[in-house]
């Protein structure tokens, strides 16, 4: 019997990277953000049974951003009724997460499995960064609350991209441990100082504050 899973996330937290890793496992598949591809006339339950459940692999799942949970109230009961396991992603470094959002928006590319990117540097507004950290933590907490009651494991982006950092996910999904590879790579090239044009200005601005911990 196929075990079912979903990757809960907000964005720029490594969900596509994890998707690619799991798709490289011989006994698993991850279908990406398939709720966004659903015909509005088709209900959630038959759609997921047709796409996610109807496969001959040990573990099958899809990517589940918070917005899809909020926009489809029938989704959460379905996940519970069908014993879905949830991998909840987060990102410890909120500056890196914001930079990733800015780059993806500038390049109009939210996937990083092809080609080169026109924009490789950003300017980060200090007030925008402060606001982003607050909103990001609130959204992380909202995702956590929404998925409460389902079997979950938590994984940070930083853990995931470490050597063999995906192994706990294989344990959680009861998949055999094999070497995995993902076609997804970071859009960002270089260190924070290389990419953030006003890096030194930001370091000075946030020196001695709680947000200074995000500068590497």
C-alpha atoms as a PDB file:
ATOM      1  CA  UNK A   1       0.000   0.000   0.000  1.00  0.00           C
ATOM      2  CA  UNK A   2       1.279   3.432  -0.933  1.00  0.00           C
ATOM      3  CA  UNK A   3       1.968   5.806   1.973  1.00  0.00           C
ATOM      4  CA  UNK A   4       0.982   9.395   1.343  1.00  0.00           C
ATOM      5  CA  UNK A   5       2.710  12.652   2.189  1.00  0.00           C
ATOM      6  CA  UNK A   6       2.649  16.382   1.576  1.00  0.00           C
ATOM      7  CA  UNK A   7       5.352  19.027   1.909  1.00  0.00           C
ATOM      8  CA  UNK A   8       4.010  21.984   3.878  1.00  0.00           C
ATOM      9  CA  UNK A   9       5.799  25.268   3.152  1.00  0.00           C
ATOM     10  CA  UNK A  10       5.524  29.001   2.549  1.00  0.00           C
ATOM     11  CA  UNK A  11       8.074  29.657  -0.183  1.00  0.00           C
ATOM     12  CA  UNK A  12      11.842  29.862  -0.729  1.00  0.00           C
ATOM     13  CA  UNK A  13      12.358  27.148   1.893  1.00  0.00           C
ATOM     14  CA  UNK A  14      13.683  24.332  -0.272  1.00  0.00           C
ATOM     15  CA  UNK A  15      10.396  22.671  -1.223  1.00  0.00           C
ATOM     16  CA  UNK A  16      11.362  22.290  -4.887  1.00  0.00           C
ATOM     17  CA  UNK A  17      14.779  20.973  -3.885  1.00  0.00           C
ATOM     18  CA  UNK A  18      13.102  18.357  -1.675  1.00  0.00           C
ATOM     19  CA  UNK A  19      10.639  17.568  -4.459  1.00  0.00           C
ATOM     20  CA  UNK A  20      13.554  16.845  -6.786  1.00  0.00           C
ATOM     21  CA  UNK A  21      15.314  14.700  -4.194  1.00  0.00           C
ATOM     22  CA  UNK A  22      12.236  12.564  -3.567  1.00  0.00           C
ATOM     23  CA  UNK A  23      11.574  12.163  -7.284  1.00  0.00           C
ATOM     24  CA  UNK A  24      15.076  10.716  -7.617  1.00  0.00           C
ATOM     25  CA  UNK A  25      14.166   7.944  -5.153  1.00  0.00           C
ATOM     26  CA  UNK A  26      13.170   4.731  -6.975  1.00  0.00           C
ATOM     27  CA  UNK A  27      10.267   4.114  -4.586  1.00  0.00           C
ATOM     28  CA  UNK A  28       8.770   7.591  -4.351  1.00  0.00           C
ATOM     29  CA  UNK A  29       7.179  10.404  -6.290  1.00  0.00           C
ATOM     30  CA  UNK A  30       6.423  14.033  -5.460  1.00  0.00           C
ATOM     31  CA  UNK A  31       4.087  15.799  -7.857  1.00  0.00           C
ATOM     32  CA  UNK A  32       4.748  19.429  -7.033  1.00  0.00           C
ATOM     33  CA  UNK A  33       2.041  22.072  -6.458  1.00  0.00           C
ATOM     34  CA  UNK A  34      -0.700  20.080  -8.121  1.00  0.00           C
ATOM     35  CA  UNK A  35      -3.600  21.819  -6.365  1.00  0.00           C
ATOM     36  CA  UNK A  36      -2.816  24.873  -8.519  1.00  0.00           C
ATOM     37  CA  UNK A  37      -3.232  22.705 -11.635  1.00  0.00           C
ATOM     38  CA  UNK A  38      -6.616  21.268 -10.679  1.00  0.00           C
ATOM     39  CA  UNK A  39      -9.605  22.021 -12.881  1.00  0.00           C
ATOM     40  CA  UNK A  40     -11.954  24.168 -10.763  1.00  0.00           C
ATOM     41  CA  UNK A  41     -14.840  21.870 -11.683  1.00  0.00           C
ATOM     42  CA  UNK A  42     -13.157  18.824 -10.092  1.00  0.00           C
ATOM     43  CA  UNK A  43     -13.397  18.278  -6.363  1.00  0.00           C
ATOM     44  CA  UNK A  44     -10.257  17.869  -4.245  1.00  0.00           C
ATOM     45  CA  UNK A  45     -10.877  14.264  -3.137  1.00  0.00           C
ATOM     46  CA  UNK A  46     -11.254  12.584  -6.559  1.00  0.00           C
ATOM     47  CA  UNK A  47      -8.484  14.753  -7.974  1.00  0.00           C
ATOM     48  CA  UNK A  48      -5.951  13.646  -5.367  1.00  0.00           C
ATOM     49  CA  UNK A  49      -7.091  10.033  -5.570  1.00  0.00           C
ATOM     50  CA  UNK A  50      -6.539  10.153  -9.316  1.00  0.00           C
ATOM     51  CA  UNK A  51      -3.163  11.890  -9.259  1.00  0.00           C
ATOM     52  CA  UNK A  52      -1.442  11.121  -5.961  1.00  0.00           C
ATOM     53  CA  UNK A  53      -3.068   7.881  -4.787  1.00  0.00           C
ATOM     54  CA  UNK A  54      -3.334   5.987  -8.062  1.00  0.00           C
ATOM     55  CA  UNK A  55       0.337   4.968  -8.362  1.00  0.00           C
ATOM     56  CA  UNK A  56       2.486   1.912  -7.773  1.00  0.00           C
ATOM     57  CA  UNK A  57       5.206   3.365  -5.548  1.00  0.00           C
ATOM     58  CA  UNK A  58       5.930   3.025  -1.845  1.00  0.00           C
ATOM     59  CA  UNK A  59       5.407   6.727  -1.097  1.00  0.00           C
ATOM     60  CA  UNK A  60       3.542   9.376  -3.081  1.00  0.00           C
ATOM     61  CA  UNK A  61       2.913  13.021  -2.333  1.00  0.00           C
ATOM     62  CA  UNK A  62       2.763  16.623  -3.425  1.00  0.00           C
ATOM     63  CA  UNK A  63       3.773  20.147  -2.421  1.00  0.00           C
ATOM     64  CA  UNK A  64       1.310  21.988  -0.213  1.00  0.00           C
ATOM     65  CA  UNK A  65       1.806  25.734   0.301  1.00  0.00           C
ATOM     66  CA  UNK A  66      -0.165  27.412   3.080  1.00  0.00           C
ATOM     67  CA  UNK A  67      -2.199  29.360   0.513  1.00  0.00           C
ATOM     68  CA  UNK A  68      -3.595  26.111  -0.917  1.00  0.00           C
ATOM     69  CA  UNK A  69      -4.675  24.980   2.531  1.00  0.00           C
ATOM     70  CA  UNK A  70      -6.346  28.311   3.191  1.00  0.00           C
ATOM     71  CA  UNK A  71      -8.079  28.363  -0.192  1.00  0.00           C
ATOM     72  CA  UNK A  72      -9.387  24.793  -0.038  1.00  0.00           C
ATOM     73  CA  UNK A  73     -11.062  24.092   3.329  1.00  0.00           C
ATOM     74  CA  UNK A  74     -11.970  20.557   2.268  1.00  0.00           C
ATOM     75  CA  UNK A  75      -8.289  19.681   1.856  1.00  0.00           C
ATOM     76  CA  UNK A  76      -7.290  19.344   5.508  1.00  0.00           C
ATOM     77  CA  UNK A  77     -10.016  16.799   6.415  1.00  0.00           C
ATOM     78  CA  UNK A  78      -9.053  14.776   3.342  1.00  0.00           C
ATOM     79  CA  UNK A  79      -5.410  14.667   4.432  1.00  0.00           C
ATOM     80  CA  UNK A  80      -6.418  13.472   7.888  1.00  0.00           C
ATOM     81  CA  UNK A  81      -8.835  10.855   6.599  1.00  0.00           C
ATOM     82  CA  UNK A  82      -6.171   9.409   4.297  1.00  0.00           C
ATOM     83  CA  UNK A  83      -3.340   9.309   6.858  1.00  0.00           C
ATOM     84  CA  UNK A  84      -1.060  11.772   5.123  1.00  0.00           C
ATOM     85  CA  UNK A  85       2.312  12.462   6.664  1.00  0.00           C
ATOM     86  CA  UNK A  86       3.497  16.067   6.490  1.00  0.00           C
ATOM     87  CA  UNK A  87       7.032  17.382   6.125  1.00  0.00           C
ATOM     88  CA  UNK A  88       6.935  20.997   7.315  1.00  0.00           C
ATOM     89  CA  UNK A  89       9.727  23.173   5.949  1.00  0.00           C
ATOM     90  CA  UNK A  90      11.050  26.416   7.357  1.00  0.00           C
ATOM     91  CA  UNK A  91      14.142  28.540   6.877  1.00  0.00           C
ATOM     92  CA  UNK A  92      16.284  29.723   9.764  1.00  0.00           C
ATOM     93  CA  UNK A  93      17.977  32.595   7.940  1.00  0.00           C
ATOM     94  CA  UNK A  94      15.224  35.042   7.088  1.00  0.00           C
ATOM     95  CA  UNK A  95      17.566  37.374   5.214  1.00  0.00           C
ATOM     96  CA  UNK A  96      18.529  34.568   2.865  1.00  0.00           C
ATOM     97  CA  UNK A  97      14.858  33.735   2.425  1.00  0.00           C
ATOM     98  CA  UNK A  98      13.992  37.330   1.551  1.00  0.00           C
ATOM     99  CA  UNK A  99      16.886  37.573  -0.917  1.00  0.00           C
ATOM    100  CA  UNK A 100      15.650  34.381  -2.552  1.00  0.00           C
ATOM    101  CA  UNK A 101      12.169  35.890  -2.932  1.00  0.00           C
ATOM    102  CA  UNK A 102      13.569  39.070  -4.465  1.00  0.00           C
ATOM    103  CA  UNK A 103      15.750  37.160  -6.927  1.00  0.00           C
ATOM    104  CA  UNK A 104      12.927  34.830  -7.954  1.00  0.00           C
ATOM    105  CA  UNK A 105      10.623  37.790  -8.517  1.00  0.00           C
ATOM    106  CA  UNK A 106      13.224  39.750 -10.471  1.00  0.00           C
ATOM    107  CA  UNK A 107      13.980  36.756 -12.669  1.00  0.00           C
ATOM    108  CA  UNK A 108      10.312  35.756 -12.896  1.00  0.00           C
ATOM    109  CA  UNK A 109      11.460  32.242 -12.095  1.00  0.00           C
ATOM    110  CA  UNK A 110      10.170  30.398  -9.051  1.00  0.00           C
ATOM    111  CA  UNK A 111      11.876  27.157 -10.012  1.00  0.00           C
ATOM    112  CA  UNK A 112      15.630  26.775 -10.299  1.00  0.00           C
ATOM    113  CA  UNK A 113      16.135  23.725 -12.468  1.00  0.00           C
ATOM    114  CA  UNK A 114      17.161  25.371 -15.702  1.00  0.00           C
ATOM    115  CA  UNK A 115      19.404  27.964 -17.298  1.00  0.00           C
ATOM    116  CA  UNK A 116      21.089  31.120 -16.130  1.00  0.00           C
ATOM    117  CA  UNK A 117      19.402  34.080 -14.458  1.00  0.00           C
ATOM    118  CA  UNK A 118      19.547  37.708 -15.517  1.00  0.00           C
ATOM    119  CA  UNK A 119      19.455  39.179 -12.005  1.00  0.00           C
ATOM    120  CA  UNK A 120      22.162  38.081  -9.581  1.00  0.00           C
ATOM    121  CA  UNK A 121      22.216  40.954  -7.073  1.00  0.00           C
ATOM    122  CA  UNK A 122      19.656  42.796  -4.963  1.00  0.00           C
ATOM    123  CA  UNK A 123      19.169  45.841  -2.763  1.00  0.00           C
ATOM    124  CA  UNK A 124      17.407  45.067   0.515  1.00  0.00           C
ATOM    125  CA  UNK A 125      15.453  47.861   2.180  1.00  0.00           C
ATOM    126  CA  UNK A 126      15.990  47.801   5.958  1.00  0.00           C
ATOM    127  CA  UNK A 127      12.344  48.484   6.822  1.00  0.00           C
ATOM    128  CA  UNK A 128      11.192  45.818   4.359  1.00  0.00           C
ATOM    129  CA  UNK A 129      13.531  43.308   5.982  1.00  0.00           C
ATOM    130  CA  UNK A 130      12.216  44.068   9.480  1.00  0.00           C
ATOM    131  CA  UNK A 131       8.652  43.669   8.251  1.00  0.00           C
ATOM    132  CA  UNK A 132       9.476  40.489   6.349  1.00  0.00           C
ATOM    133  CA  UNK A 133      10.972  38.776   9.413  1.00  0.00           C
ATOM    134  CA  UNK A 134       7.832  39.490  11.450  1.00  0.00           C
ATOM    135  CA  UNK A 135       5.437  38.355   8.728  1.00  0.00           C
ATOM    136  CA  UNK A 136       7.525  35.283   7.934  1.00  0.00           C
ATOM    137  CA  UNK A 137       7.530  34.031  11.520  1.00  0.00           C
ATOM    138  CA  UNK A 138       3.785  34.640  11.786  1.00  0.00           C
ATOM    139  CA  UNK A 139       3.215  32.626   8.600  1.00  0.00           C
ATOM    140  CA  UNK A 140       5.466  29.811   9.858  1.00  0.00           C
ATOM    141  CA  UNK A 141       3.338  29.644  13.013  1.00  0.00           C
ATOM    142  CA  UNK A 142       0.114  29.713  10.982  1.00  0.00           C
ATOM    143  CA  UNK A 143       1.284  26.783   8.865  1.00  0.00           C
ATOM    144  CA  UNK A 144       2.136  24.884  12.044  1.00  0.00           C
ATOM    145  CA  UNK A 145      -1.289  25.562  13.568  1.00  0.00           C
ATOM    146  CA  UNK A 146      -3.122  24.632  10.393  1.00  0.00           C
ATOM    147  CA  UNK A 147      -1.404  21.241  10.137  1.00  0.00           C
ATOM    148  CA  UNK A 148      -1.730  20.406  13.835  1.00  0.00           C
ATOM    149  CA  UNK A 149      -3.245  16.960  14.328  1.00  0.00           C
ATOM    150  CA  UNK A 150      -1.445  15.380  11.382  1.00  0.00           C
ATOM    151  CA  UNK A 151       1.758  13.343  11.776  1.00  0.00           C
ATOM    152  CA  UNK A 152       4.512  15.819  10.998  1.00  0.00           C
ATOM    153  CA  UNK A 153       8.251  16.194  10.892  1.00  0.00           C
ATOM    154  CA  UNK A 154      10.035  19.537  10.754  1.00  0.00           C
ATOM    155  CA  UNK A 155      12.990  20.263   8.557  1.00  0.00           C
ATOM    156  CA  UNK A 156      14.808  23.502   7.924  1.00  0.00           C
ATOM    157  CA  UNK A 157      16.260  24.560   4.605  1.00  0.00           C
ATOM    158  CA  UNK A 158      19.668  24.641   6.255  1.00  0.00           C
ATOM    159  CA  UNK A 159      19.325  21.024   7.392  1.00  0.00           C
ATOM    160  CA  UNK A 160      18.005  19.896   4.032  1.00  0.00           C
ATOM    161  CA  UNK A 161      20.905  21.246   1.969  1.00  0.00           C
ATOM    162  CA  UNK A 162      23.567  19.793   4.280  1.00  0.00           C
ATOM    163  CA  UNK A 163      25.284  16.585   3.066  1.00  0.00           C
ATOM    164  CA  UNK A 164      22.708  13.792   3.168  1.00  0.00           C
ATOM    165  CA  UNK A 165      20.394  16.151   5.035  1.00  0.00           C
ATOM    166  CA  UNK A 166      17.415  14.428   3.414  1.00  0.00           C
ATOM    167  CA  UNK A 167      17.957  11.167   5.331  1.00  0.00           C
ATOM    168  CA  UNK A 168      15.531  12.042   8.196  1.00  0.00           C
ATOM    169  CA  UNK A 169      12.810  12.564   5.578  1.00  0.00           C
ATOM    170  CA  UNK A 170      13.433   9.064   4.214  1.00  0.00           C
ATOM    171  CA  UNK A 171      13.106   7.647   7.728  1.00  0.00           C
ATOM    172  CA  UNK A 172       9.875   9.584   8.270  1.00  0.00           C
ATOM    173  CA  UNK A 173       8.405   8.295   4.996  1.00  0.00           C
ATOM    174  CA  UNK A 174       9.643   4.723   5.616  1.00  0.00           C
ATOM    175  CA  UNK A 175      11.738   4.805   2.470  1.00  0.00           C
ATOM    176  CA  UNK A 176      14.971   2.883   2.104  1.00  0.00           C
ATOM    177  CA  UNK A 177      18.086   4.970   2.377  1.00  0.00           C
ATOM    178  CA  UNK A 178      19.643   5.550  -1.016  1.00  0.00           C
ATOM    179  CA  UNK A 179      21.671   8.369  -2.544  1.00  0.00           C
ATOM    180  CA  UNK A 180      19.417  11.119  -3.873  1.00  0.00           C
ATOM    181  CA  UNK A 181      20.027  14.002  -6.265  1.00  0.00           C
ATOM    182  CA  UNK A 182      17.887  17.011  -7.123  1.00  0.00           C
ATOM    183  CA  UNK A 183      17.875  18.965 -10.394  1.00  0.00           C
ATOM    184  CA  UNK A 184      17.144  22.163  -8.456  1.00  0.00           C
ATOM    185  CA  UNK A 185      19.939  24.595  -7.614  1.00  0.00           C
ATOM    186  CA  UNK A 186      20.009  27.939  -5.858  1.00  0.00           C
ATOM    187  CA  UNK A 187      19.423  31.006  -8.004  1.00  0.00           C
ATOM    188  CA  UNK A 188      21.727  32.954  -5.712  1.00  0.00           C
ATOM    189  CA  UNK A 189      25.388  32.855  -6.633  1.00  0.00           C
ATOM    190  CA  UNK A 190      27.814  33.848  -3.901  1.00  0.00           C
ATOM    191  CA  UNK A 191      27.709  35.026  -0.308  1.00  0.00           C
ATOM    192  CA  UNK A 192      25.346  37.588   1.180  1.00  0.00           C
ATOM    193  CA  UNK A 193      28.042  40.228   0.683  1.00  0.00           C
ATOM    194  CA  UNK A 194      28.412  39.204  -2.970  1.00  0.00           C
ATOM    195  CA  UNK A 195      24.693  39.417  -3.690  1.00  0.00           C
ATOM    196  CA  UNK A 196      23.318  42.213  -1.473  1.00  0.00           C
ATOM    197  CA  UNK A 197      24.558  45.493  -2.921  1.00  0.00           C
ATOM    198  CA  UNK A 198      23.948  47.450   0.299  1.00  0.00           C
ATOM    199  CA  UNK A 199      25.191  44.673   2.590  1.00  0.00           C
ATOM    200  CA  UNK A 200      27.578  46.818   4.691  1.00  0.00           C
ATOM    201  CA  UNK A 201      24.928  49.484   5.152  1.00  0.00           C
ATOM    202  CA  UNK A 202      22.478  46.857   6.453  1.00  0.00           C
ATOM    203  CA  UNK A 203      25.077  45.355   8.788  1.00  0.00           C
ATOM    204  CA  UNK A 204      25.637  48.781  10.347  1.00  0.00           C
ATOM    205  CA  UNK A 205      21.915  49.492  10.570  1.00  0.00           C
ATOM    206  CA  UNK A 206      21.102  46.250  12.409  1.00  0.00           C
ATOM    207  CA  UNK A 207      24.263  46.057  14.530  1.00  0.00           C
ATOM    208  CA  UNK A 208      23.357  45.212  18.129  1.00  0.00           C
ATOM    209  CA  UNK A 209      19.785  44.231  17.254  1.00  0.00           C
ATOM    210  CA  UNK A 210      18.096  40.839  17.173  1.00  0.00           C
ATOM    211  CA  UNK A 211      18.194  40.875  13.368  1.00  0.00           C
ATOM    212  CA  UNK A 212      22.000  41.022  13.285  1.00  0.00           C
ATOM    213  CA  UNK A 213      22.050  37.218  13.637  1.00  0.00           C
ATOM    214  CA  UNK A 214      20.892  36.828  10.043  1.00  0.00           C
ATOM    215  CA  UNK A 215      24.017  38.404   8.570  1.00  0.00           C
ATOM    216  CA  UNK A 216      26.709  35.864   7.761  1.00  0.00           C
END
